[in-house]
């Protein structure tokens, strides 16, 4: 599923390199310090298991599941299954 979306899809989907809503420099520096320099990369590429204590296989599973859910939502919107007027 990840191959359909491509690398960096989550970041592009949310309009930038970082998904988090408040992108001030201090927060970015803190995230880099605690999560590693690649924290903004999608999936296991952005995971530093020594810092997060989350295995790459778990991050890969979560990322794949997230992309599948995005695809389902996108298809639902495309086919008018989801009503966004409410």
C-alpha atoms as a PDB file:
ATOM      1  CA  UNK A   1       0.000   0.000   0.000  1.00  0.00           C
ATOM      2  CA  UNK A   2       2.805   2.434   0.799  1.00  0.00           C
ATOM      3  CA  UNK A   3       4.101   2.068  -2.768  1.00  0.00           C
ATOM      4  CA  UNK A   4       0.799   3.455  -4.096  1.00  0.00           C
ATOM      5  CA  UNK A   5       1.175   6.638  -2.093  1.00  0.00           C
ATOM      6  CA  UNK A   6       4.956   6.970  -2.330  1.00  0.00           C
ATOM      7  CA  UNK A   7       7.501   8.278   0.112  1.00  0.00           C
ATOM      8  CA  UNK A   8       6.637  11.551   1.807  1.00  0.00           C
ATOM      9  CA  UNK A   9       2.930  11.174   1.054  1.00  0.00           C
ATOM     10  CA  UNK A  10       1.738  11.858   4.583  1.00  0.00           C
ATOM     11  CA  UNK A  11       3.773  15.041   4.735  1.00  0.00           C
ATOM     12  CA  UNK A  12       2.491  16.189   1.344  1.00  0.00           C
ATOM     13  CA  UNK A  13      -1.080  15.248   2.241  1.00  0.00           C
ATOM     14  CA  UNK A  14      -0.926  17.527   5.266  1.00  0.00           C
ATOM     15  CA  UNK A  15       0.761  20.341   3.365  1.00  0.00           C
ATOM     16  CA  UNK A  16       4.360  20.282   4.493  1.00  0.00           C
ATOM     17  CA  UNK A  17       7.261  18.389   5.940  1.00  0.00           C
ATOM     18  CA  UNK A  18       5.751  18.312   9.419  1.00  0.00           C
ATOM     19  CA  UNK A  19       2.321  17.022  10.395  1.00  0.00           C
ATOM     20  CA  UNK A  20       2.227  18.809  13.741  1.00  0.00           C
ATOM     21  CA  UNK A  21       0.058  21.960  13.857  1.00  0.00           C
ATOM     22  CA  UNK A  22       2.488  24.322  15.596  1.00  0.00           C
ATOM     23  CA  UNK A  23       5.719  24.478  13.630  1.00  0.00           C
ATOM     24  CA  UNK A  24       7.711  27.038  15.547  1.00  0.00           C
ATOM     25  CA  UNK A  25      11.502  26.679  15.463  1.00  0.00           C
ATOM     26  CA  UNK A  26      11.749  25.801  19.157  1.00  0.00           C
ATOM     27  CA  UNK A  27       9.356  22.877  18.776  1.00  0.00           C
ATOM     28  CA  UNK A  28      11.206  21.639  15.706  1.00  0.00           C
ATOM     29  CA  UNK A  29      14.506  21.778  17.588  1.00  0.00           C
ATOM     30  CA  UNK A  30      12.998  19.903  20.543  1.00  0.00           C
ATOM     31  CA  UNK A  31      11.561  17.231  18.237  1.00  0.00           C
ATOM     32  CA  UNK A  32      14.930  16.839  16.525  1.00  0.00           C
ATOM     33  CA  UNK A  33      16.608  16.534  19.915  1.00  0.00           C
ATOM     34  CA  UNK A  34      14.185  13.943  21.303  1.00  0.00           C
ATOM     35  CA  UNK A  35      13.157  12.053  18.151  1.00  0.00           C
ATOM     36  CA  UNK A  36      16.194  12.442  15.871  1.00  0.00           C
ATOM     37  CA  UNK A  37      16.959  14.445  12.759  1.00  0.00           C
ATOM     38  CA  UNK A  38      14.679  12.351  10.525  1.00  0.00           C
ATOM     39  CA  UNK A  39      11.579  12.713  12.699  1.00  0.00           C
ATOM     40  CA  UNK A  40       9.567  14.354   9.888  1.00  0.00           C
ATOM     41  CA  UNK A  41      10.144  11.459   7.464  1.00  0.00           C
ATOM     42  CA  UNK A  42       7.217   9.121   6.882  1.00  0.00           C
ATOM     43  CA  UNK A  43       7.221   5.594   8.279  1.00  0.00           C
ATOM     44  CA  UNK A  44      10.250   3.722   9.588  1.00  0.00           C
ATOM     45  CA  UNK A  45      12.636   6.104   7.799  1.00  0.00           C
ATOM     46  CA  UNK A  46      11.787   8.772  10.380  1.00  0.00           C
ATOM     47  CA  UNK A  47      11.994   6.421  13.349  1.00  0.00           C
ATOM     48  CA  UNK A  48      15.059   6.244  15.571  1.00  0.00           C
ATOM     49  CA  UNK A  49      14.301   3.213  17.699  1.00  0.00           C
ATOM     50  CA  UNK A  50      16.980   4.209  20.217  1.00  0.00           C
ATOM     51  CA  UNK A  51      15.074   7.408  20.933  1.00  0.00           C
ATOM     52  CA  UNK A  52      11.438   6.362  20.473  1.00  0.00           C
ATOM     53  CA  UNK A  53      11.641   2.796  21.803  1.00  0.00           C
ATOM     54  CA  UNK A  54       9.172   1.850  19.038  1.00  0.00           C
ATOM     55  CA  UNK A  55      10.387  -0.936  16.723  1.00  0.00           C
ATOM     56  CA  UNK A  56      10.574  -0.136  13.009  1.00  0.00           C
ATOM     57  CA  UNK A  57       8.163  -2.974  12.215  1.00  0.00           C
ATOM     58  CA  UNK A  58       5.541  -1.348  14.460  1.00  0.00           C
ATOM     59  CA  UNK A  59       6.076   2.068  12.843  1.00  0.00           C
ATOM     60  CA  UNK A  60       5.818   0.453   9.397  1.00  0.00           C
ATOM     61  CA  UNK A  61       2.538  -1.244  10.368  1.00  0.00           C
ATOM     62  CA  UNK A  62       1.069   1.990  11.742  1.00  0.00           C
ATOM     63  CA  UNK A  63       2.171   3.927   8.664  1.00  0.00           C
ATOM     64  CA  UNK A  64       0.738   1.356   6.257  1.00  0.00           C
ATOM     65  CA  UNK A  65      -2.538   1.248   8.163  1.00  0.00           C
ATOM     66  CA  UNK A  66      -2.740   5.040   8.145  1.00  0.00           C
ATOM     67  CA  UNK A  67      -2.161   5.177   4.383  1.00  0.00           C
ATOM     68  CA  UNK A  68      -4.820   2.525   3.799  1.00  0.00           C
ATOM     69  CA  UNK A  69      -7.298   4.547   5.873  1.00  0.00           C
ATOM     70  CA  UNK A  70      -6.460   7.697   3.887  1.00  0.00           C
ATOM     71  CA  UNK A  71      -7.059   5.783   0.661  1.00  0.00           C
ATOM     72  CA  UNK A  72     -10.430   4.531   1.907  1.00  0.00           C
ATOM     73  CA  UNK A  73     -11.438   8.075   2.870  1.00  0.00           C
ATOM     74  CA  UNK A  74     -10.258   9.498  -0.448  1.00  0.00           C
ATOM     75  CA  UNK A  75     -12.238   6.870  -2.365  1.00  0.00           C
ATOM     76  CA  UNK A  76     -15.305   7.522  -0.205  1.00  0.00           C
ATOM     77  CA  UNK A  77     -15.147  11.253  -0.934  1.00  0.00           C
ATOM     78  CA  UNK A  78     -14.587  10.589  -4.621  1.00  0.00           C
ATOM     79  CA  UNK A  79     -17.654   8.365  -4.869  1.00  0.00           C
ATOM     80  CA  UNK A  80     -19.857  10.557  -2.659  1.00  0.00           C
ATOM     81  CA  UNK A  81     -20.157   7.974   0.122  1.00  0.00           C
ATOM     82  CA  UNK A  82     -19.097  10.472   2.796  1.00  0.00           C
ATOM     83  CA  UNK A  83     -21.322  13.484   3.370  1.00  0.00           C
ATOM     84  CA  UNK A  84     -19.200  16.510   4.304  1.00  0.00           C
ATOM     85  CA  UNK A  85     -22.097  18.967   4.487  1.00  0.00           C
ATOM     86  CA  UNK A  86     -22.898  18.247   8.145  1.00  0.00           C
END
